[in-house]
C-alpha atoms as a PDB file:
ATOM      1  CA  UNK A   1      17.918  70.448 133.923  1.00  0.00           C
ATOM      2  CA  UNK A   2      17.639  72.021 137.339  1.00  0.00           C
ATOM      3  CA  UNK A   3      19.186  71.394 140.730  1.00  0.00           C
ATOM      4  CA  UNK A   4      17.541  70.006 143.818  1.00  0.00           C
ATOM      5  CA  UNK A   5      15.385  71.740 146.395  1.00  0.00           C
ATOM      6  CA  UNK A   6      18.078  71.508 149.053  1.00  0.00           C
ATOM      7  CA  UNK A   7      20.642  73.303 146.926  1.00  0.00           C
ATOM      8  CA  UNK A   8      18.647  76.284 145.754  1.00  0.00           C
ATOM      9  CA  UNK A   9      15.471  77.294 147.485  1.00  0.00           C
ATOM     10  CA  UNK A  10      16.997  78.964 150.510  1.00  0.00           C
ATOM     11  CA  UNK A  11      18.337  81.952 148.574  1.00  0.00           C
ATOM     12  CA  UNK A  12      14.854  83.269 147.901  1.00  0.00           C
ATOM     13  CA  UNK A  13      13.997  84.022 151.515  1.00  0.00           C
ATOM     14  CA  UNK A  14      16.853  86.458 152.035  1.00  0.00           C
ATOM     15  CA  UNK A  15      16.009  88.215 148.790  1.00  0.00           C
ATOM     16  CA  UNK A  16      12.324  88.848 149.430  1.00  0.00           C
ATOM     17  CA  UNK A  17      12.751  92.178 151.205  1.00  0.00           C
ATOM     18  CA  UNK A  18      15.313  93.394 148.680  1.00  0.00           C
ATOM     19  CA  UNK A  19      13.139  92.558 145.691  1.00  0.00           C
ATOM     20  CA  UNK A  20      10.419  95.037 146.620  1.00  0.00           C
ATOM     21  CA  UNK A  21      12.917  97.910 146.629  1.00  0.00           C
ATOM     22  CA  UNK A  22      14.244  97.243 143.138  1.00  0.00           C
ATOM     23  CA  UNK A  23      12.804  98.281 139.787  1.00  0.00           C
ATOM     24  CA  UNK A  24      11.259  95.240 138.108  1.00  0.00           C
ATOM     25  CA  UNK A  25      12.408  96.023 134.573  1.00  0.00           C
ATOM     26  CA  UNK A  26      16.122  95.278 134.713  1.00  0.00           C
ATOM     27  CA  UNK A  27      18.516  92.815 133.111  1.00  0.00           C
ATOM     28  CA  UNK A  28      16.810  89.716 131.792  1.00  0.00           C
ATOM     29  CA  UNK A  29      13.229  90.997 131.791  1.00  0.00           C
ATOM     30  CA  UNK A  30      11.378  92.673 128.961  1.00  0.00           C
ATOM     31  CA  UNK A  31      11.129  96.425 129.500  1.00  0.00           C
ATOM     32  CA  UNK A  32       7.321  96.334 129.500  1.00  0.00           C
ATOM     33  CA  UNK A  33       7.111  93.626 132.188  1.00  0.00           C
ATOM     34  CA  UNK A  34       5.674  94.792 135.508  1.00  0.00           C
ATOM     35  CA  UNK A  35       5.852  92.164 138.222  1.00  0.00           C
ATOM     36  CA  UNK A  36       2.956  92.073 140.663  1.00  0.00           C
ATOM     37  CA  UNK A  37       3.643  93.121 144.290  1.00  0.00           C
ATOM     38  CA  UNK A  38       2.691  89.677 145.628  1.00  0.00           C
ATOM     39  CA  UNK A  39       5.157  88.134 143.163  1.00  0.00           C
ATOM     40  CA  UNK A  40       7.948  90.491 144.145  1.00  0.00           C
ATOM     41  CA  UNK A  41       7.368  89.828 147.837  1.00  0.00           C
ATOM     42  CA  UNK A  42       7.123  86.038 147.345  1.00  0.00           C
ATOM     43  CA  UNK A  43       3.861  86.194 149.263  1.00  0.00           C
ATOM     44  CA  UNK A  44       2.025  82.921 149.979  1.00  0.00           C
ATOM     45  CA  UNK A  45      -1.159  84.773 149.052  1.00  0.00           C
ATOM     46  CA  UNK A  46      -1.065  85.313 145.301  1.00  0.00           C
ATOM     47  CA  UNK A  47      -4.406  87.046 144.588  1.00  0.00           C
ATOM     48  CA  UNK A  48      -3.450  87.924 141.015  1.00  0.00           C
ATOM     49  CA  UNK A  49      -2.785  84.334 139.972  1.00  0.00           C
ATOM     50  CA  UNK A  50      -5.057  83.429 137.031  1.00  0.00           C
ATOM     51  CA  UNK A  51      -7.597  80.625 136.870  1.00  0.00           C
ATOM     52  CA  UNK A  52      -9.281  78.759 134.026  1.00  0.00           C
ATOM     53  CA  UNK A  53     -12.454  76.793 133.405  1.00  0.00           C
ATOM     54  CA  UNK A  54     -12.776  73.045 132.976  1.00  0.00           C
ATOM     55  CA  UNK A  55     -11.917  72.001 129.413  1.00  0.00           C
ATOM     56  CA  UNK A  56     -14.409  69.418 128.155  1.00  0.00           C
ATOM     57  CA  UNK A  57     -12.120  68.245 125.346  1.00  0.00           C
ATOM     58  CA  UNK A  58      -9.185  67.732 127.729  1.00  0.00           C
ATOM     59  CA  UNK A  59     -11.371  65.861 130.200  1.00  0.00           C
ATOM     60  CA  UNK A  60     -12.738  63.627 127.423  1.00  0.00           C
ATOM     61  CA  UNK A  61      -9.159  62.816 126.360  1.00  0.00           C
ATOM     62  CA  UNK A  62      -8.257  61.398 129.770  1.00  0.00           C
ATOM     63  CA  UNK A  63      -7.838  57.599 129.653  1.00  0.00           C
ATOM     64  CA  UNK A  64     -11.016  56.039 131.026  1.00  0.00           C
ATOM     65  CA  UNK A  65      -9.039  53.636 133.200  1.00  0.00           C
ATOM     66  CA  UNK A  66      -6.359  56.088 134.355  1.00  0.00           C
ATOM     67  CA  UNK A  67      -5.780  55.750 138.107  1.00  0.00           C
ATOM     68  CA  UNK A  68      -4.755  59.099 139.580  1.00  0.00           C
ATOM     69  CA  UNK A  69      -2.573  58.932 142.680  1.00  0.00           C
ATOM     70  CA  UNK A  70      -5.451  60.496 144.599  1.00  0.00           C
ATOM     71  CA  UNK A  71      -8.921  60.256 143.053  1.00  0.00           C
ATOM     72  CA  UNK A  72     -10.189  63.666 141.969  1.00  0.00           C
ATOM     73  CA  UNK A  73      -6.752  65.255 142.239  1.00  0.00           C
ATOM     74  CA  UNK A  74      -3.823  65.895 139.922  1.00  0.00           C
ATOM     75  CA  UNK A  75      -0.699  65.187 141.953  1.00  0.00           C
ATOM     76  CA  UNK A  76       2.214  67.198 140.570  1.00  0.00           C
ATOM     77  CA  UNK A  77       5.840  67.149 141.702  1.00  0.00           C
ATOM     78  CA  UNK A  78       7.741  70.444 141.728  1.00  0.00           C
ATOM     79  CA  UNK A  79      11.349  71.105 142.641  1.00  0.00           C
ATOM     80  CA  UNK A  80      10.980  74.393 144.500  1.00  0.00           C
ATOM     81  CA  UNK A  81      14.481  75.748 144.165  1.00  0.00           C
ATOM     82  CA  UNK A  82      14.261  79.423 143.153  1.00  0.00           C
ATOM     83  CA  UNK A  83      11.951  82.079 141.719  1.00  0.00           C
ATOM     84  CA  UNK A  84      10.473  82.707 139.238  1.00  0.00           C
ATOM     85  CA  UNK A  85       9.961  79.015 138.395  1.00  0.00           C
ATOM     86  CA  UNK A  86       9.119  77.573 141.797  1.00  0.00           C
ATOM     87  CA  UNK A  87       9.999  78.443 145.370  1.00  0.00           C
ATOM     88  CA  UNK A  88       8.649  78.212 148.879  1.00  0.00           C
ATOM     89  CA  UNK A  89       6.874  81.452 149.708  1.00  0.00           C
ATOM     90  CA  UNK A  90       7.843  83.767 152.536  1.00  0.00           C
ATOM     91  CA  UNK A  91       5.914  81.524 154.934  1.00  0.00           C
ATOM     92  CA  UNK A  92       8.476  78.766 154.174  1.00  0.00           C
ATOM     93  CA  UNK A  93       5.605  76.426 153.367  1.00  0.00           C
ATOM     94  CA  UNK A  94       3.478  77.443 150.364  1.00  0.00           C
ATOM     95  CA  UNK A  95       4.777  76.600 146.885  1.00  0.00           C
ATOM     96  CA  UNK A  96       4.552  79.537 144.493  1.00  0.00           C
ATOM     97  CA  UNK A  97       5.985  80.457 141.108  1.00  0.00           C
ATOM     98  CA  UNK A  98       5.314  79.987 137.413  1.00  0.00           C
ATOM     99  CA  UNK A  99       5.425  76.182 137.498  1.00  0.00           C
ATOM    100  CA  UNK A 100       2.946  75.831 140.404  1.00  0.00           C
ATOM    101  CA  UNK A 101       0.601  78.261 138.647  1.00  0.00           C
ATOM    102  CA  UNK A 102       0.812  76.318 135.370  1.00  0.00           C
ATOM    103  CA  UNK A 103       0.137  73.152 137.363  1.00  0.00           C
ATOM    104  CA  UNK A 104      -2.986  74.660 138.892  1.00  0.00           C
ATOM    105  CA  UNK A 105      -4.298  75.805 135.497  1.00  0.00           C
ATOM    106  CA  UNK A 106      -3.769  72.316 134.057  1.00  0.00           C
ATOM    107  CA  UNK A 107      -5.568  70.720 136.989  1.00  0.00           C
ATOM    108  CA  UNK A 108      -8.472  73.143 136.641  1.00  0.00           C
ATOM    109  CA  UNK A 109      -8.704  72.436 132.904  1.00  0.00           C
ATOM    110  CA  UNK A 110      -8.904  68.717 133.702  1.00  0.00           C
ATOM    111  CA  UNK A 111     -11.608  69.294 136.297  1.00  0.00           C
ATOM    112  CA  UNK A 112      -9.324  68.186 139.110  1.00  0.00           C
ATOM    113  CA  UNK A 113      -8.011  69.605 142.357  1.00  0.00           C
ATOM    114  CA  UNK A 114      -4.267  70.280 142.402  1.00  0.00           C
ATOM    115  CA  UNK A 115      -1.990  68.573 144.900  1.00  0.00           C
ATOM    116  CA  UNK A 116       1.568  69.884 144.795  1.00  0.00           C
ATOM    117  CA  UNK A 117       4.489  67.872 146.160  1.00  0.00           C
ATOM    118  CA  UNK A 118       7.882  69.484 146.722  1.00  0.00           C
ATOM    119  CA  UNK A 119      10.650  67.113 145.627  1.00  0.00           C
ATOM    120  CA  UNK A 120      14.397  67.238 145.265  1.00  0.00           C
ATOM    121  CA  UNK A 121      15.402  67.366 141.618  1.00  0.00           C
ATOM    122  CA  UNK A 122      17.117  63.934 141.539  1.00  0.00           C
ATOM    123  CA  UNK A 123      13.967  62.271 142.887  1.00  0.00           C
ATOM    124  CA  UNK A 124      11.448  63.130 140.155  1.00  0.00           C
ATOM    125  CA  UNK A 125      12.360  60.341 137.652  1.00  0.00           C
ATOM    126  CA  UNK A 126      11.788  57.531 140.150  1.00  0.00           C
ATOM    127  CA  UNK A 127       8.637  59.212 141.424  1.00  0.00           C
ATOM    128  CA  UNK A 128       7.125  59.330 137.945  1.00  0.00           C
ATOM    129  CA  UNK A 129       7.979  55.752 137.010  1.00  0.00           C
ATOM    130  CA  UNK A 130       6.847  54.372 140.377  1.00  0.00           C
ATOM    131  CA  UNK A 131       3.535  56.219 140.247  1.00  0.00           C
ATOM    132  CA  UNK A 132       4.215  58.370 143.315  1.00  0.00           C
ATOM    133  CA  UNK A 133       2.757  61.350 141.469  1.00  0.00           C
ATOM    134  CA  UNK A 134       0.858  61.841 138.234  1.00  0.00           C
ATOM    135  CA  UNK A 135       3.122  64.418 136.607  1.00  0.00           C
ATOM    136  CA  UNK A 136       6.154  66.638 137.042  1.00  0.00           C
ATOM    137  CA  UNK A 137       5.988  70.348 136.224  1.00  0.00           C
ATOM    138  CA  UNK A 138       9.439  71.583 137.120  1.00  0.00           C
ATOM    139  CA  UNK A 139      11.311  73.034 134.138  1.00  0.00           C
ATOM    140  CA  UNK A 140      12.204  69.588 132.803  1.00  0.00           C
ATOM    141  CA  UNK A 141      13.686  69.973 129.326  1.00  0.00           C
ATOM    142  CA  UNK A 142      12.744  67.599 126.533  1.00  0.00           C
ATOM    143  CA  UNK A 143      15.637  65.354 125.509  1.00  0.00           C
ATOM    144  CA  UNK A 144      15.757  62.352 123.230  1.00  0.00           C
ATOM    145  CA  UNK A 145      17.138  60.277 126.086  1.00  0.00           C
ATOM    146  CA  UNK A 146      14.335  61.264 128.471  1.00  0.00           C
ATOM    147  CA  UNK A 147      11.703  60.555 125.829  1.00  0.00           C
ATOM    148  CA  UNK A 148      12.677  56.896 125.993  1.00  0.00           C
ATOM    149  CA  UNK A 149      11.265  56.743 129.538  1.00  0.00           C
ATOM    150  CA  UNK A 150       8.774  59.610 129.791  1.00  0.00           C
ATOM    151  CA  UNK A 151       6.150  61.473 127.789  1.00  0.00           C
ATOM    152  CA  UNK A 152       6.148  65.259 127.489  1.00  0.00           C
ATOM    153  CA  UNK A 153       3.475  67.883 126.932  1.00  0.00           C
ATOM    154  CA  UNK A 154       5.402  71.095 126.301  1.00  0.00           C
ATOM    155  CA  UNK A 155       4.568  74.417 127.920  1.00  0.00           C
ATOM    156  CA  UNK A 156       7.637  76.663 127.670  1.00  0.00           C
ATOM    157  CA  UNK A 157      10.808  77.144 125.706  1.00  0.00           C
ATOM    158  CA  UNK A 158      13.915  75.660 127.251  1.00  0.00           C
ATOM    159  CA  UNK A 159      16.551  78.393 127.325  1.00  0.00           C
ATOM    160  CA  UNK A 160      19.759  78.960 129.227  1.00  0.00           C
ATOM    161  CA  UNK A 161      21.435  82.289 129.754  1.00  0.00           C
ATOM    162  CA  UNK A 162      25.012  83.457 130.026  1.00  0.00           C
ATOM    163  CA  UNK A 163      25.251  86.095 132.769  1.00  0.00           C
ATOM    164  CA  UNK A 164      28.279  88.187 133.701  1.00  0.00           C
ATOM    165  CA  UNK A 165      28.984  90.950 136.253  1.00  0.00           C
ATOM    166  CA  UNK A 166      27.806  94.399 135.211  1.00  0.00           C
ATOM    167  CA  UNK A 167      31.395  95.619 134.791  1.00  0.00           C
ATOM    168  CA  UNK A 168      32.554  92.594 132.776  1.00  0.00           C
ATOM    169  CA  UNK A 169      34.213  93.355 129.426  1.00  0.00           C
ATOM    170  CA  UNK A 170      32.297  90.429 127.912  1.00  0.00           C
ATOM    171  CA  UNK A 171      29.496  91.642 125.648  1.00  0.00           C
ATOM    172  CA  UNK A 172      28.349  88.474 123.913  1.00  0.00           C
ATOM    173  CA  UNK A 173      28.585  84.715 124.431  1.00  0.00           C
ATOM    174  CA  UNK A 174      26.641  83.200 121.563  1.00  0.00           C
ATOM    175  CA  UNK A 175      28.703  80.413 120.008  1.00  0.00           C
ATOM    176  CA  UNK A 176      31.467  77.967 120.940  1.00  0.00           C
ATOM    177  CA  UNK A 177      34.418  80.185 120.095  1.00  0.00           C
ATOM    178  CA  UNK A 178      33.126  82.872 122.457  1.00  0.00           C
ATOM    179  CA  UNK A 179      33.758  80.752 125.571  1.00  0.00           C
ATOM    180  CA  UNK A 180      37.285  79.595 124.646  1.00  0.00           C
ATOM    181  CA  UNK A 181      39.546  79.875 127.683  1.00  0.00           C
ATOM    182  CA  UNK A 182      36.858  81.267 129.987  1.00  0.00           C
ATOM    183  CA  UNK A 183      35.800  79.982 133.390  1.00  0.00           C
ATOM    184  CA  UNK A 184      32.090  79.153 133.214  1.00  0.00           C
ATOM    185  CA  UNK A 185      29.780  78.256 136.112  1.00  0.00           C
ATOM    186  CA  UNK A 186      27.166  75.648 135.200  1.00  0.00           C
ATOM    187  CA  UNK A 187      25.077  72.797 136.600  1.00  0.00           C
ATOM    188  CA  UNK A 188      26.779  69.442 137.107  1.00  0.00           C
ATOM    189  CA  UNK A 189      25.096  66.682 135.121  1.00  0.00           C
ATOM    190  CA  UNK A 190      22.635  69.164 133.641  1.00  0.00           C
ATOM    191  CA  UNK A 191      21.658  69.911 130.047  1.00  0.00           C
ATOM    192  CA  UNK A 192      23.668  73.118 130.166  1.00  0.00           C
ATOM    193  CA  UNK A 193      26.807  71.213 131.109  1.00  0.00           C
ATOM    194  CA  UNK A 194      26.297  68.902 128.133  1.00  0.00           C
ATOM    195  CA  UNK A 195      26.073  71.902 125.821  1.00  0.00           C
ATOM    196  CA  UNK A 196      29.287  73.378 127.191  1.00  0.00           C
ATOM    197  CA  UNK A 197      31.085  70.046 126.899  1.00  0.00           C
ATOM    198  CA  UNK A 198      30.074  69.889 123.241  1.00  0.00           C
ATOM    199  CA  UNK A 199      31.262  73.458 122.721  1.00  0.00           C
ATOM    200  CA  UNK A 200      34.577  72.526 124.338  1.00  0.00           C
ATOM    201  CA  UNK A 201      34.892  69.585 121.974  1.00  0.00           C
ATOM    202  CA  UNK A 202      34.290  71.827 118.972  1.00  0.00           C
ATOM    203  CA  UNK A 203      36.767  74.401 120.262  1.00  0.00           C
ATOM    204  CA  UNK A 204      39.430  71.767 120.854  1.00  0.00           C
ATOM    205  CA  UNK A 205      38.967  70.481 117.299  1.00  0.00           C
ATOM    206  CA  UNK A 206      39.349  74.065 116.074  1.00  0.00           C
ATOM    207  CA  UNK A 207      42.559  74.560 118.039  1.00  0.00           C
ATOM    208  CA  UNK A 208      40.972  76.814 120.651  1.00  0.00           C
ATOM    209  CA  UNK A 209      41.333  76.506 124.404  1.00  0.00           C
ATOM    210  CA  UNK A 210      38.406  74.787 126.136  1.00  0.00           C
ATOM    211  CA  UNK A 211      36.445  76.607 128.792  1.00  0.00           C
ATOM    212  CA  UNK A 212      36.947  75.564 132.408  1.00  0.00           C
ATOM    213  CA  UNK A 213      33.645  74.430 133.889  1.00  0.00           C
ATOM    214  CA  UNK A 214      32.984  75.294 137.528  1.00  0.00           C
ATOM    215  CA  UNK A 215      30.401  73.625 139.786  1.00  0.00           C
ATOM    216  CA  UNK A 216      29.025  74.907 143.081  1.00  0.00           C
ATOM    217  CA  UNK A 217      26.615  73.636 145.725  1.00  0.00           C
ATOM    218  CA  UNK A 218      24.335  76.668 145.892  1.00  0.00           C
ATOM    219  CA  UNK A 219      23.420  80.015 144.367  1.00  0.00           C
ATOM    220  CA  UNK A 220      25.256  82.008 147.003  1.00  0.00           C
ATOM    221  CA  UNK A 221      28.561  80.295 146.183  1.00  0.00           C
ATOM    222  CA  UNK A 222      27.964  80.785 142.457  1.00  0.00           C
ATOM    223  CA  UNK A 223      27.204  84.467 142.914  1.00  0.00           C
ATOM    224  CA  UNK A 224      30.287  85.005 145.080  1.00  0.00           C
ATOM    225  CA  UNK A 225      32.502  83.246 142.531  1.00  0.00           C
ATOM    226  CA  UNK A 226      31.094  85.302 139.675  1.00  0.00           C
ATOM    227  CA  UNK A 227      31.227  88.683 141.378  1.00  0.00           C
ATOM    228  CA  UNK A 228      34.668  88.074 142.892  1.00  0.00           C
ATOM    229  CA  UNK A 229      36.204  87.297 139.505  1.00  0.00           C
ATOM    230  CA  UNK A 230      36.790  83.591 140.116  1.00  0.00           C
ATOM    231  CA  UNK A 231      34.468  82.901 137.184  1.00  0.00           C
ATOM    232  CA  UNK A 232      33.868  84.801 133.974  1.00  0.00           C
ATOM    233  CA  UNK A 233      30.233  83.843 133.398  1.00  0.00           C
ATOM    234  CA  UNK A 234      27.345  81.783 134.713  1.00  0.00           C
ATOM    235  CA  UNK A 235      25.525  79.500 132.248  1.00  0.00           C
ATOM    236  CA  UNK A 236      22.328  78.137 133.761  1.00  0.00           C
ATOM    237  CA  UNK A 237      18.533  78.344 133.231  1.00  0.00           C
ATOM    238  CA  UNK A 238      17.643  81.836 132.098  1.00  0.00           C
ATOM    239  CA  UNK A 239      14.573  82.435 134.232  1.00  0.00           C
ATOM    240  CA  UNK A 240      16.285  82.095 137.590  1.00  0.00           C
ATOM    241  CA  UNK A 241      19.286  84.126 136.513  1.00  0.00           C
ATOM    242  CA  UNK A 242      17.069  86.878 135.115  1.00  0.00           C
ATOM    243  CA  UNK A 243      15.282  87.030 138.457  1.00  0.00           C
ATOM    244  CA  UNK A 244      18.565  87.251 140.350  1.00  0.00           C
ATOM    245  CA  UNK A 245      19.814  89.962 137.992  1.00  0.00           C
ATOM    246  CA  UNK A 246      16.685  91.950 138.765  1.00  0.00           C
ATOM    247  CA  UNK A 247      17.014  91.385 142.509  1.00  0.00           C
ATOM    248  CA  UNK A 248      20.702  92.213 142.897  1.00  0.00           C
ATOM    249  CA  UNK A 249      21.272  94.587 139.993  1.00  0.00           C
ATOM    250  CA  UNK A 250      24.799  93.175 139.768  1.00  0.00           C
ATOM    251  CA  UNK A 251      24.710  90.924 136.697  1.00  0.00           C
ATOM    252  CA  UNK A 252      23.548  91.162 133.087  1.00  0.00           C
ATOM    253  CA  UNK A 253      22.771  88.721 130.311  1.00  0.00           C
ATOM    254  CA  UNK A 254      25.168  88.375 127.396  1.00  0.00           C
ATOM    255  CA  UNK A 255      23.764  85.279 125.703  1.00  0.00           C
ATOM    256  CA  UNK A 256      20.593  83.215 125.378  1.00  0.00           C
ATOM    257  CA  UNK A 257      20.977  79.614 124.187  1.00  0.00           C
ATOM    258  CA  UNK A 258      18.318  77.014 123.464  1.00  0.00           C
ATOM    259  CA  UNK A 259      18.392  74.020 125.772  1.00  0.00           C
ATOM    260  CA  UNK A 260      18.313  71.891 122.619  1.00  0.00           C
ATOM    261  CA  UNK A 261      21.292  73.562 121.016  1.00  0.00           C
ATOM    262  CA  UNK A 262      21.843  73.583 118.082  1.00  0.00           C
ATOM    263  CA  UNK A 263      18.116  72.973 117.727  1.00  0.00           C
ATOM    264  CA  UNK A 264      15.153  74.497 119.503  1.00  0.00           C
ATOM    265  CA  UNK A 265      14.000  72.712 122.638  1.00  0.00           C
ATOM    266  CA  UNK A 266      11.079  72.982 124.996  1.00  0.00           C
ATOM    267  CA  UNK A 267      10.213  72.329 128.613  1.00  0.00           C
ATOM    268  CA  UNK A 268       7.393  69.901 129.239  1.00  0.00           C
ATOM    269  CA  UNK A 269       4.994  68.409 131.726  1.00  0.00           C
ATOM    270  CA  UNK A 270       6.456  64.954 132.383  1.00  0.00           C
ATOM    271  CA  UNK A 271       4.386  61.778 132.715  1.00  0.00           C
ATOM    272  CA  UNK A 272       5.154  58.079 132.745  1.00  0.00           C
ATOM    273  CA  UNK A 273       5.814  56.712 129.264  1.00  0.00           C
ATOM    274  CA  UNK A 274       2.722  55.467 127.441  1.00  0.00           C
ATOM    275  CA  UNK A 275       0.323  55.927 130.364  1.00  0.00           C
ATOM    276  CA  UNK A 276      -1.989  57.894 128.062  1.00  0.00           C
ATOM    277  CA  UNK A 277      -2.084  61.119 130.072  1.00  0.00           C
ATOM    278  CA  UNK A 278      -0.021  63.369 127.790  1.00  0.00           C
ATOM    279  CA  UNK A 279      -2.659  63.872 125.022  1.00  0.00           C
ATOM    280  CA  UNK A 280      -5.093  65.287 127.583  1.00  0.00           C
ATOM    281  CA  UNK A 281      -2.349  67.497 129.002  1.00  0.00           C
ATOM    282  CA  UNK A 282      -1.592  68.885 125.535  1.00  0.00           C
ATOM    283  CA  UNK A 283      -5.263  69.778 125.040  1.00  0.00           C
ATOM    284  CA  UNK A 284      -5.419  71.366 128.498  1.00  0.00           C
ATOM    285  CA  UNK A 285      -2.267  73.395 127.873  1.00  0.00           C
ATOM    286  CA  UNK A 286      -3.453  74.586 124.463  1.00  0.00           C
ATOM    287  CA  UNK A 287      -6.690  75.629 126.137  1.00  0.00           C
ATOM    288  CA  UNK A 288      -4.939  77.863 128.652  1.00  0.00           C
ATOM    289  CA  UNK A 289      -2.767  79.281 125.879  1.00  0.00           C
ATOM    290  CA  UNK A 290      -5.933  80.156 123.954  1.00  0.00           C
ATOM    291  CA  UNK A 291      -7.814  81.713 126.889  1.00  0.00           C
ATOM    292  CA  UNK A 292      -4.894  83.918 127.953  1.00  0.00           C
ATOM    293  CA  UNK A 293      -4.333  82.504 131.430  1.00  0.00           C
ATOM    294  CA  UNK A 294      -1.026  80.989 130.283  1.00  0.00           C
ATOM    295  CA  UNK A 295       0.245  84.391 129.149  1.00  0.00           C
ATOM    296  CA  UNK A 296      -0.850  85.908 132.454  1.00  0.00           C
ATOM    297  CA  UNK A 297       1.330  83.442 134.363  1.00  0.00           C
ATOM    298  CA  UNK A 298       4.408  84.134 132.249  1.00  0.00           C
ATOM    299  CA  UNK A 299       3.873  87.885 132.465  1.00  0.00           C
ATOM    300  CA  UNK A 300       3.450  87.766 136.253  1.00  0.00           C
ATOM    301  CA  UNK A 301       6.755  85.950 136.663  1.00  0.00           C
ATOM    302  CA  UNK A 302       8.810  87.693 133.962  1.00  0.00           C
ATOM    303  CA  UNK A 303       8.990  84.723 131.597  1.00  0.00           C
ATOM    304  CA  UNK A 304       7.315  86.097 128.475  1.00  0.00           C
ATOM    305  CA  UNK A 305      10.472  85.464 126.444  1.00  0.00           C
ATOM    306  CA  UNK A 306       9.995  81.734 127.024  1.00  0.00           C
ATOM    307  CA  UNK A 307       6.395  81.437 125.796  1.00  0.00           C
ATOM    308  CA  UNK A 308       5.424  78.802 123.227  1.00  0.00           C
ATOM    309  CA  UNK A 309       2.621  79.278 120.659  1.00  0.00           C
ATOM    310  CA  UNK A 310       1.246  75.811 121.302  1.00  0.00           C
ATOM    311  CA  UNK A 311       1.789  72.705 123.404  1.00  0.00           C
ATOM    312  CA  UNK A 312       3.204  69.667 121.621  1.00  0.00           C
ATOM    313  CA  UNK A 313       3.482  66.035 122.584  1.00  0.00           C
ATOM    314  CA  UNK A 314       7.029  64.650 122.581  1.00  0.00           C
ATOM    315  CA  UNK A 315       8.643  67.117 120.125  1.00  0.00           C
ATOM    316  CA  UNK A 316      12.307  66.782 119.108  1.00  0.00           C
ATOM    317  CA  UNK A 317      14.565  67.421 122.087  1.00  0.00           C
ATOM    318  CA  UNK A 318      18.210  67.706 122.982  1.00  0.00           C
ATOM    319  CA  UNK A 319      19.995  65.000 121.009  1.00  0.00           C
ATOM    320  CA  UNK A 320      22.270  62.401 122.524  1.00  0.00           C
ATOM    321  CA  UNK A 321      25.846  63.598 122.236  1.00  0.00           C
END
């Protein structure tokens, strides 16, 4: 689960100039990953962004009576909070990032024009159920609770990372006992908080000290708390933290945890429950996986670790605790 536009997106603008001066293969990114110059600069013009052809099978799977918000367009909500997932470009207007590029590929596969809408994170559930937009592509993790209200067509692994300062003595945070007694930054009301609360419960049962969970309003406050020693680690979505580690060169990853812990979990395109759109989305997503455009997006934005071999409709998600 990710925070709202108002909390996060502003950090990216101050980082744009710094990004270009830093080596792209640092903490959190695979050594072979080379990020494109337009990606590093957060340019509104992304000439290297891939495209795909219309997918006849996906188009045929669309419900015959489905009423798109705007005829001929796929209207997709995105919470543009931070790169590499989604952010406002350096023009403070254009939405760029991995999620907007996936959205465009899906729209192209369905033979539709893409219309992106920037939304605050808390607003997407009501927007989907009220029909304000056709889908949400914004790093929304699959959970059993969400599946009661929405359908999912998965397109990425849901993973969260533990990040610490470069000089931290912590080398690994991989299981509940590792966080005992630590001060951990995380997202309030988010999937990652639920995981940490469950780890605290297990630690308490085992006679270990629970971790202290810390919540902040923005990335800048989180970074200051982490680097000043007020917190021991930051546990939040991996992609954004990997990007920040690359940009600043001041943090490193010491753990990677599935959003569905203790099971695997995935991130999905969200649609209104039982509106019939998700089967077509699955076909469209599997098409872009097969033609390589999907891999191009993840490579461009440093997210190859989070690739899935295939899209699935409503797979098992984070259980109810």
